[in-house]
N, C-alpha and C. Protein backbone atom coordinates (compact mmCIF):
# COMPACT_ATOMS: atom_id res chain seq x y z
N MET A 1 0.84 -1.06 -0.15
CA MET A 1 -0.24 -0.08 0.08
C MET A 1 1.25 1.30 -0.11
N ILE A 2 0.28 2.47 -0.86
CA ILE A 2 1.11 3.12 -1.04
C ILE A 2 0.98 4.21 0.03
N GLU A 3 1.89 5.39 0.57
CA GLU A 3 1.69 6.45 1.39
C GLU A 3 1.33 7.94 0.47
N LEU A 4 0.01 7.56 0.16
CA LEU A 4 -0.37 8.41 -0.89
C LEU A 4 -0.01 10.02 -0.72
N GLU A 5 -0.48 10.39 0.63
CA GLU A 5 -0.40 11.62 1.35
C GLU A 5 0.91 12.07 1.13
N THR A 6 1.91 11.42 1.74
CA THR A 6 3.22 11.49 1.45
C THR A 6 3.96 11.87 0.46
N ALA A 7 3.56 11.36 -0.53
CA ALA A 7 4.09 11.08 -1.97
C ALA A 7 3.60 12.37 -2.83
N LEU A 8 2.30 12.75 -2.56
CA LEU A 8 1.40 13.94 -3.19
C LEU A 8 2.14 15.14 -2.83
N ARG A 9 2.62 14.94 -1.21
CA ARG A 9 2.92 16.88 -0.77
C ARG A 9 4.39 16.81 -1.31
N SER A 10 5.17 15.33 -1.51
CA SER A 10 6.70 15.61 -2.08
C SER A 10 6.73 16.03 -3.31
N LEU A 11 5.49 15.52 -4.42
CA LEU A 11 5.58 15.89 -5.73
C LEU A 11 5.22 17.29 -5.83
N THR A 12 4.12 17.46 -5.13
CA THR A 12 3.73 18.82 -5.25
C THR A 12 4.62 19.96 -4.89
N ALA A 13 5.32 19.52 -3.38
CA ALA A 13 5.98 20.51 -3.29
C ALA A 13 7.51 20.78 -3.99
N ASN A 14 7.77 19.65 -4.63
CA ASN A 14 8.72 19.79 -5.67
C ASN A 14 8.55 20.59 -7.10
N LYS A 15 7.20 20.60 -7.08
CA LYS A 15 6.53 21.26 -8.67
C LYS A 15 6.67 20.58 -9.33
N VAL A 16 6.57 19.15 -9.29
CA VAL A 16 6.69 18.19 -10.63
C VAL A 16 5.37 18.06 -11.14
N ASP A 17 5.56 18.23 -12.81
CA ASP A 17 4.35 17.89 -13.88
C ASP A 17 4.15 16.84 -13.88
N PHE A 18 3.24 16.47 -13.42
CA PHE A 18 2.62 14.82 -13.25
C PHE A 18 1.16 14.76 -13.33
N VAL A 19 0.54 13.63 -14.00
CA VAL A 19 -1.13 13.47 -13.87
C VAL A 19 -0.65 12.32 -13.14
N PHE A 20 -1.91 11.52 -12.50
CA PHE A 20 -2.23 10.31 -11.86
C PHE A 20 -3.09 9.44 -13.29
N ILE A 21 -2.51 8.28 -12.99
CA ILE A 21 -3.13 7.33 -13.43
C ILE A 21 -3.16 6.19 -13.15
N GLY A 22 -3.64 4.99 -13.26
CA GLY A 22 -3.50 3.69 -12.85
C GLY A 22 -4.32 3.55 -11.34
N GLY A 23 -3.78 3.31 -10.34
CA GLY A 23 -4.49 2.84 -8.86
C GLY A 23 -4.96 4.13 -8.11
N ALA A 24 -4.09 5.22 -8.73
CA ALA A 24 -3.87 6.54 -7.94
C ALA A 24 -5.45 7.35 -8.55
N ALA A 25 -5.47 6.93 -10.08
CA ALA A 25 -6.56 7.93 -10.65
C ALA A 25 -7.71 7.27 -10.44
N ILE A 26 -7.78 5.81 -10.12
CA ILE A 26 -8.81 5.01 -9.89
C ILE A 26 -9.41 5.59 -8.27
N THR A 27 -8.59 5.87 -7.70
CA THR A 27 -8.56 6.34 -6.00
C THR A 27 -9.51 7.55 -6.30
N ALA A 28 -8.99 8.15 -7.09
CA ALA A 28 -9.76 9.71 -7.39
C ALA A 28 -11.12 9.43 -7.36
N TYR A 29 -11.70 8.53 -8.53
CA TYR A 29 -12.94 8.20 -8.99
C TYR A 29 -13.63 7.06 -8.18
N VAL A 30 -12.84 6.09 -7.41
CA VAL A 30 -12.89 4.95 -6.52
C VAL A 30 -11.85 4.02 -5.83
N THR A 31 -9.33 3.44 -6.02
CA THR A 31 -8.23 2.55 -5.37
C THR A 31 -7.24 3.22 -4.90
N GLN A 32 -6.30 2.82 -4.38
CA GLN A 32 -4.94 3.23 -4.38
C GLN A 32 -3.75 2.19 -4.55
N ASP A 33 -3.08 3.11 -5.42
CA ASP A 33 -1.77 2.98 -5.34
C ASP A 33 -0.99 4.03 -6.57
N LEU A 34 0.36 3.79 -6.65
CA LEU A 34 0.65 4.87 -7.35
C LEU A 34 1.07 5.43 -8.59
N ASP A 35 0.40 5.44 -9.54
CA ASP A 35 0.84 5.46 -11.03
C ASP A 35 1.21 7.11 -11.62
N PHE A 36 1.66 7.37 -12.21
CA PHE A 36 1.77 8.80 -12.84
C PHE A 36 2.40 8.99 -13.81
N CYS A 37 2.05 9.40 -15.10
CA CYS A 37 2.29 9.91 -16.32
C CYS A 37 3.21 11.35 -15.97
N TYR A 38 4.61 11.53 -16.24
CA TYR A 38 5.24 12.83 -16.10
C TYR A 38 5.91 13.32 -17.62
N SER A 39 6.11 14.40 -17.31
CA SER A 39 6.70 15.30 -18.00
C SER A 39 8.24 15.23 -18.32
N ARG A 40 9.03 15.00 -19.40
CA ARG A 40 10.29 14.38 -19.67
C ARG A 40 11.09 15.73 -20.00
N THR A 41 10.81 16.68 -19.52
CA THR A 41 11.93 18.06 -19.85
C THR A 41 12.89 17.96 -18.52
N PRO A 42 13.83 18.57 -19.02
CA PRO A 42 15.23 18.12 -17.97
C PRO A 42 14.61 18.79 -16.76
N GLY A 43 14.02 19.97 -16.64
CA GLY A 43 13.75 20.38 -15.18
C GLY A 43 12.75 19.85 -14.69
N ASN A 44 11.96 18.96 -14.96
CA ASN A 44 10.81 18.02 -14.51
C ASN A 44 11.68 16.51 -14.24
N LEU A 45 12.44 16.25 -14.76
CA LEU A 45 13.44 15.27 -14.60
C LEU A 45 14.11 15.49 -13.02
N ALA A 46 14.75 16.75 -13.11
CA ALA A 46 15.26 17.16 -11.82
C ALA A 46 14.16 17.18 -10.63
N ARG A 47 13.15 17.58 -10.89
CA ARG A 47 12.25 17.69 -9.74
C ARG A 47 11.54 16.52 -9.49
N ILE A 48 11.84 15.51 -10.28
CA ILE A 48 11.11 14.19 -9.75
C ILE A 48 12.56 13.29 -8.80
N VAL A 49 13.37 13.72 -9.52
CA VAL A 49 14.66 12.86 -8.88
C VAL A 49 14.56 13.71 -7.09
N ALA A 50 14.42 14.63 -7.09
CA ALA A 50 14.41 15.52 -5.96
C ALA A 50 12.99 15.09 -4.78
N ALA A 51 11.74 15.11 -5.44
CA ALA A 51 10.86 14.59 -4.79
C ALA A 51 10.78 13.37 -4.29
N LEU A 52 11.52 12.18 -5.10
CA LEU A 52 11.55 10.99 -4.63
C LEU A 52 12.88 10.31 -4.05
N ALA A 53 13.99 11.10 -4.34
CA ALA A 53 14.83 10.73 -3.21
C ALA A 53 15.05 10.51 -1.85
N PRO A 54 14.21 11.02 -0.88
CA PRO A 54 14.04 10.90 0.25
C PRO A 54 13.52 9.43 0.33
N PHE A 55 12.85 8.92 -0.53
CA PHE A 55 12.00 7.67 -0.33
C PHE A 55 12.84 6.31 -0.64
N LYS A 56 14.02 6.54 -1.34
CA LYS A 56 15.07 5.67 -1.74
C LYS A 56 14.55 4.66 -2.81
N PRO A 57 14.03 5.15 -3.91
CA PRO A 57 13.73 4.39 -5.15
C PRO A 57 14.64 3.46 -5.91
N ARG A 58 14.49 2.35 -5.96
CA ARG A 58 14.82 1.33 -6.83
C ARG A 58 14.03 0.71 -7.85
N LEU A 59 14.60 0.05 -8.82
CA LEU A 59 13.71 -0.79 -9.65
C LEU A 59 13.19 -1.81 -9.01
N ARG A 60 11.96 -1.97 -9.21
CA ARG A 60 11.19 -3.03 -8.65
C ARG A 60 11.81 -4.36 -9.33
N GLY A 61 12.31 -5.36 -8.28
CA GLY A 61 12.83 -6.63 -8.91
C GLY A 61 14.22 -6.70 -9.36
N PHE A 62 14.85 -5.30 -9.13
CA PHE A 62 16.34 -5.48 -9.38
C PHE A 62 16.91 -5.86 -8.35
N PRO A 63 17.99 -6.64 -8.14
CA PRO A 63 18.78 -7.30 -7.03
C PRO A 63 19.40 -6.32 -6.40
N GLU A 64 19.15 -6.46 -5.02
CA GLU A 64 19.78 -5.35 -4.18
C GLU A 64 21.27 -5.01 -4.23
N GLU A 65 21.78 -6.45 -4.69
CA GLU A 65 23.25 -6.33 -4.64
C GLU A 65 23.94 -5.09 -5.69
N LEU A 66 23.02 -5.20 -6.53
CA LEU A 66 23.54 -4.31 -7.92
C LEU A 66 23.23 -2.64 -7.71
N PRO A 67 24.28 -1.94 -7.89
CA PRO A 67 24.28 -0.25 -7.56
C PRO A 67 22.84 0.01 -8.78
N PHE A 68 21.80 0.72 -8.07
CA PHE A 68 20.96 1.47 -8.97
C PHE A 68 21.19 3.15 -8.59
N PHE A 69 21.31 3.71 -9.75
CA PHE A 69 21.61 5.32 -9.42
C PHE A 69 20.23 6.35 -9.51
N TRP A 70 19.88 6.65 -8.92
CA TRP A 70 18.51 7.50 -8.88
C TRP A 70 19.17 8.94 -9.10
N ASP A 71 18.78 9.24 -10.30
CA ASP A 71 19.45 10.54 -11.24
C ASP A 71 18.60 10.88 -12.35
N GLU A 72 18.89 12.26 -12.72
CA GLU A 72 18.40 12.19 -13.95
C GLU A 72 18.80 11.80 -15.17
N ARG A 73 19.78 11.34 -15.18
CA ARG A 73 20.31 10.48 -16.29
C ARG A 73 19.66 9.22 -16.51
N THR A 74 19.48 8.67 -15.15
CA THR A 74 18.89 6.98 -15.09
C THR A 74 17.33 7.59 -15.74
N LEU A 75 16.68 8.49 -15.62
CA LEU A 75 15.29 8.95 -16.15
C LEU A 75 15.43 9.19 -17.67
N LEU A 76 16.27 10.14 -17.81
CA LEU A 76 16.50 10.23 -19.35
C LEU A 76 16.90 9.15 -20.18
N ASN A 77 17.43 8.11 -19.62
CA ASN A 77 17.88 7.11 -20.34
C ASN A 77 16.63 5.82 -20.45
N GLY A 78 15.51 6.12 -19.76
CA GLY A 78 14.52 5.50 -19.93
C GLY A 78 13.07 6.02 -20.27
N THR A 79 11.81 5.59 -20.18
CA THR A 79 10.59 6.33 -20.44
C THR A 79 9.59 5.61 -19.14
N ASN A 80 9.63 4.39 -18.99
CA ASN A 80 8.54 4.19 -17.99
C ASN A 80 9.24 2.94 -16.99
N PHE A 81 8.98 3.41 -15.73
CA PHE A 81 9.95 2.73 -14.53
C PHE A 81 9.05 2.26 -13.59
N THR A 82 9.20 1.31 -13.05
CA THR A 82 8.50 0.34 -11.75
C THR A 82 9.40 0.59 -10.82
N LEU A 83 9.13 1.41 -9.74
CA LEU A 83 10.20 1.35 -8.55
C LEU A 83 9.32 1.12 -7.17
N ILE A 84 10.18 0.48 -6.42
CA ILE A 84 10.15 0.21 -5.19
C ILE A 84 10.70 1.26 -4.25
N THR A 85 9.87 2.06 -3.57
CA THR A 85 10.46 3.13 -2.37
C THR A 85 10.17 2.98 -1.13
N THR A 86 10.27 3.55 -0.07
CA THR A 86 9.93 3.03 1.21
C THR A 86 8.44 3.80 1.48
N LEU A 87 7.74 4.68 0.54
CA LEU A 87 6.43 4.92 0.23
C LEU A 87 5.40 3.73 0.07
N GLY A 88 6.31 2.57 -0.59
CA GLY A 88 5.53 1.61 -1.71
C GLY A 88 6.03 1.67 -3.09
N SER A 89 4.89 0.77 -3.92
CA SER A 89 5.53 0.90 -5.37
C SER A 89 4.74 2.32 -6.00
N ILE A 90 5.70 2.72 -6.82
CA ILE A 90 5.55 4.12 -7.77
C ILE A 90 5.94 3.52 -9.04
N ASP A 91 5.10 3.77 -9.80
CA ASP A 91 5.21 3.65 -11.41
C ASP A 91 5.32 5.03 -12.17
N LEU A 92 6.35 5.15 -12.77
CA LEU A 92 6.52 6.60 -13.39
C LEU A 92 6.21 5.94 -15.08
N LEU A 93 5.52 6.70 -15.65
CA LEU A 93 5.15 6.28 -17.16
C LEU A 93 5.52 7.84 -17.99
N GLY A 94 6.46 7.66 -18.96
CA GLY A 94 6.64 9.03 -19.63
C GLY A 94 5.34 8.97 -20.71
N GLU A 95 5.06 7.58 -21.13
CA GLU A 95 3.86 7.35 -22.27
C GLU A 95 3.09 6.60 -21.40
N VAL A 96 1.85 6.39 -21.90
CA VAL A 96 0.78 5.70 -21.33
C VAL A 96 0.17 4.96 -22.71
N PRO A 97 0.59 3.44 -22.42
CA PRO A 97 0.20 2.78 -23.61
C PRO A 97 -1.30 2.47 -23.82
N GLY A 98 -1.68 2.91 -24.86
CA GLY A 98 -2.78 2.99 -25.44
C GLY A 98 -3.63 4.28 -25.55
N VAL A 99 -2.56 5.64 -24.73
CA VAL A 99 -3.24 6.75 -24.48
C VAL A 99 -2.39 7.80 -25.29
N GLY A 100 -1.10 8.02 -24.66
CA GLY A 100 -0.04 8.85 -25.39
C GLY A 100 0.76 9.38 -24.47
N ASN A 101 1.64 10.08 -24.72
CA ASN A 101 2.60 10.90 -23.88
C ASN A 101 2.03 12.14 -22.94
N TYR A 102 2.65 12.47 -21.91
CA TYR A 102 2.94 13.09 -21.29
C TYR A 102 1.37 14.54 -21.72
N ASP A 103 1.94 15.09 -22.84
CA ASP A 103 1.42 16.34 -23.44
C ASP A 103 0.00 15.89 -23.49
N TYR A 104 -0.19 14.75 -24.15
CA TYR A 104 -1.58 14.55 -24.46
C TYR A 104 -2.43 14.19 -23.16
N VAL A 105 -2.01 13.37 -22.66
CA VAL A 105 -2.65 12.93 -21.15
C VAL A 105 -2.93 13.69 -20.22
N SER A 106 -1.91 15.36 -20.56
CA SER A 106 -2.16 16.17 -19.60
C SER A 106 -3.04 17.13 -19.97
N SER A 107 -3.00 17.05 -21.72
CA SER A 107 -4.32 18.02 -22.00
C SER A 107 -5.60 17.83 -21.78
N ARG A 108 -5.87 16.34 -21.55
CA ARG A 108 -7.22 15.58 -21.14
C ARG A 108 -7.53 15.81 -19.76
N ALA A 109 -6.64 15.67 -18.72
CA ALA A 109 -6.95 15.88 -17.29
C ALA A 109 -7.54 16.32 -16.96
N VAL A 110 -7.96 16.18 -15.69
CA VAL A 110 -9.11 16.43 -15.09
C VAL A 110 -8.62 17.03 -13.32
N GLU A 111 -8.92 18.24 -12.82
CA GLU A 111 -8.37 18.59 -11.34
C GLU A 111 -9.14 18.07 -10.46
N MET A 112 -8.47 17.72 -9.32
CA MET A 112 -9.67 16.83 -8.51
C MET A 112 -8.18 17.14 -7.11
N GLN A 113 -9.10 16.57 -6.03
CA GLN A 113 -8.75 17.12 -4.70
C GLN A 113 -8.34 15.75 -4.33
N ILE A 114 -7.07 15.10 -3.68
CA ILE A 114 -6.71 14.28 -3.13
C ILE A 114 -6.20 14.44 -1.92
N CYS A 115 -6.43 13.88 -1.11
CA CYS A 115 -5.50 14.35 0.61
C CYS A 115 -5.70 15.96 0.54
N GLU A 116 -6.71 16.36 0.19
CA GLU A 116 -6.84 17.87 0.09
C GLU A 116 -5.84 18.55 -0.46
N ILE A 117 -5.50 17.99 -1.59
CA ILE A 117 -4.11 18.49 -2.39
C ILE A 117 -5.13 18.76 -3.86
N ASN A 118 -4.92 19.87 -4.71
CA ASN A 118 -5.54 19.66 -5.95
C ASN A 118 -4.00 19.14 -6.66
N VAL A 119 -4.74 17.83 -7.70
CA VAL A 119 -3.90 17.42 -8.77
C VAL A 119 -4.73 17.03 -10.01
N ARG A 120 -3.90 16.82 -11.00
CA ARG A 120 -4.60 16.31 -12.04
C ARG A 120 -4.68 15.35 -12.15
N VAL A 121 -5.72 14.42 -12.85
CA VAL A 121 -5.64 12.92 -12.88
C VAL A 121 -6.29 12.97 -14.28
N ILE A 122 -5.86 11.67 -14.64
CA ILE A 122 -6.35 11.03 -16.51
C ILE A 122 -7.85 11.21 -16.33
N SER A 123 -8.36 11.45 -17.39
CA SER A 123 -9.39 11.52 -17.95
C SER A 123 -10.25 10.14 -17.58
N LEU A 124 -11.38 9.96 -17.04
CA LEU A 124 -11.88 8.91 -17.06
C LEU A 124 -11.94 7.76 -18.58
N ASP A 125 -12.20 8.75 -19.54
CA ASP A 125 -11.99 8.00 -20.68
C ASP A 125 -10.72 7.37 -21.25
N ASP A 126 -9.57 8.44 -20.80
CA ASP A 126 -8.27 7.64 -21.31
C ASP A 126 -7.87 6.54 -20.15
N LEU A 127 -8.41 6.74 -18.99
CA LEU A 127 -8.05 5.73 -17.79
C LEU A 127 -8.73 4.40 -18.19
N ILE A 128 -9.91 4.50 -19.08
CA ILE A 128 -10.64 3.15 -19.58
C ILE A 128 -9.64 2.80 -20.81
N ASP A 129 -9.17 3.46 -21.76
CA ASP A 129 -8.52 3.26 -22.77
C ASP A 129 -7.30 2.36 -22.22
N ALA A 130 -6.43 3.18 -21.37
CA ALA A 130 -5.46 2.38 -20.95
C ALA A 130 -5.44 1.19 -20.07
N LYS A 131 -6.48 1.00 -19.69
CA LYS A 131 -6.54 -0.40 -18.85
C LYS A 131 -7.16 -1.50 -19.88
N ARG A 132 -7.89 -0.89 -20.86
CA ARG A 132 -7.88 -1.90 -22.02
C ARG A 132 -6.96 -2.50 -22.92
N THR A 133 -6.07 -1.52 -23.06
CA THR A 133 -4.67 -1.62 -23.85
C THR A 133 -3.92 -2.62 -23.03
N ALA A 134 -3.87 -2.38 -21.73
CA ALA A 134 -3.02 -2.90 -20.93
C ALA A 134 -3.41 -4.51 -20.81
N GLY A 135 -4.66 -4.96 -20.54
CA GLY A 135 -5.04 -6.36 -21.08
C GLY A 135 -4.96 -7.26 -19.81
N ARG A 136 -4.29 -6.80 -18.69
CA ARG A 136 -4.03 -7.67 -17.60
C ARG A 136 -5.57 -7.86 -16.87
N THR A 137 -5.57 -9.21 -16.05
CA THR A 137 -6.58 -9.36 -15.25
C THR A 137 -6.97 -8.62 -14.63
N LYS A 138 -6.25 -7.81 -13.81
CA LYS A 138 -6.18 -7.01 -12.88
C LYS A 138 -7.23 -5.47 -13.45
N ASP A 139 -6.62 -5.19 -14.53
CA ASP A 139 -6.98 -4.03 -15.27
C ASP A 139 -8.81 -4.56 -16.19
N GLN A 140 -8.69 -5.76 -16.80
CA GLN A 140 -10.16 -5.87 -16.90
C GLN A 140 -11.07 -5.89 -16.07
N LEU A 141 -10.79 -6.51 -14.66
CA LEU A 141 -11.70 -6.62 -13.78
C LEU A 141 -12.28 -5.27 -13.09
N VAL A 142 -11.49 -4.29 -13.61
CA VAL A 142 -11.75 -2.86 -12.79
C VAL A 142 -12.72 -2.10 -14.24
N LEU A 143 -12.54 -2.66 -15.01
CA LEU A 143 -13.16 -2.18 -16.27
C LEU A 143 -14.73 -1.70 -16.02
N PRO A 144 -15.43 -2.74 -15.78
CA PRO A 144 -17.14 -2.69 -15.52
C PRO A 144 -17.98 -1.65 -14.37
N GLU A 145 -16.53 -1.30 -13.28
CA GLU A 145 -16.85 -0.29 -12.55
C GLU A 145 -16.41 1.12 -13.14
N LEU A 146 -15.26 1.20 -13.82
CA LEU A 146 -14.92 2.46 -14.60
C LEU A 146 -16.04 2.91 -15.66
N GLU A 147 -16.50 1.85 -16.55
CA GLU A 147 -17.75 2.11 -17.46
C GLU A 147 -19.07 2.41 -17.04
N ALA A 148 -19.25 1.89 -15.71
CA ALA A 148 -20.38 2.24 -14.66
C ALA A 148 -20.24 3.62 -14.45
N LEU A 149 -19.10 3.69 -14.04
CA LEU A 149 -19.06 5.17 -13.37
C LEU A 149 -19.21 6.34 -14.14
N ARG A 150 -18.42 6.01 -15.64
CA ARG A 150 -18.51 6.91 -16.87
C ARG A 150 -19.92 7.17 -17.18
N GLU A 151 -20.85 6.32 -17.07
CA GLU A 151 -21.89 6.60 -17.43
C GLU A 151 -22.78 7.28 -16.18
N ALA A 152 -22.16 6.72 -14.98
CA ALA A 152 -22.98 7.68 -14.05
C ALA A 152 -22.91 9.10 -14.14
N LEU A 153 -21.41 9.41 -14.43
CA LEU A 153 -21.09 10.97 -14.76
C LEU A 153 -21.60 11.58 -15.84
N ASP A 154 -21.76 10.76 -16.89
CA ASP A 154 -22.52 11.34 -17.95
C ASP A 154 -23.31 12.66 -17.82
N PRO A 155 -23.55 13.73 -18.41
CA PRO A 155 -24.65 14.47 -17.93
C PRO A 155 -25.74 13.70 -19.04
N LYS A 156 -27.19 13.52 -18.58
CA LYS A 156 -28.03 13.00 -18.93
C LYS A 156 -29.21 13.93 -20.07
N GLU A 157 -28.93 13.50 -21.19
CA GLU A 157 -30.20 14.54 -21.89
C GLU A 157 -31.53 14.24 -21.75
N ASP A 158 -32.37 15.24 -21.90
CA ASP A 158 -33.53 15.00 -21.13
C ASP A 158 -34.71 14.85 -23.01
């Protein structure tokens, strides 16, 4: 389980440009875990490194005995990262499969409050597309709830 509020406060305090996706986005609508799509500008990479460094990020599944360098160069050399931190699991996505890159996701994101902090969250339609594209069982299981939520939130025409 992710320490969502602590992670949020660190990301926003460091002025990281991000949009919640995955479990964190579902939390905003319905669950809890931290996946976010991030801007890949050099300044934002530096802010992500600063925001997450206190929580000792490492690649999930990466052998403990091998060195891992958490820095801007590491982020620059990859796009999507699955991390384990002292806060819990965090996935950084420079591109959301089935949806697009940060600029696209951000242009369609919605503002919400999570832990009394204003954040941008992937649109419900884009979250559904991302879950469909992922095709994993856990993603498929949440699709009916997300689709029902989309229907409930859709303004009804008389």
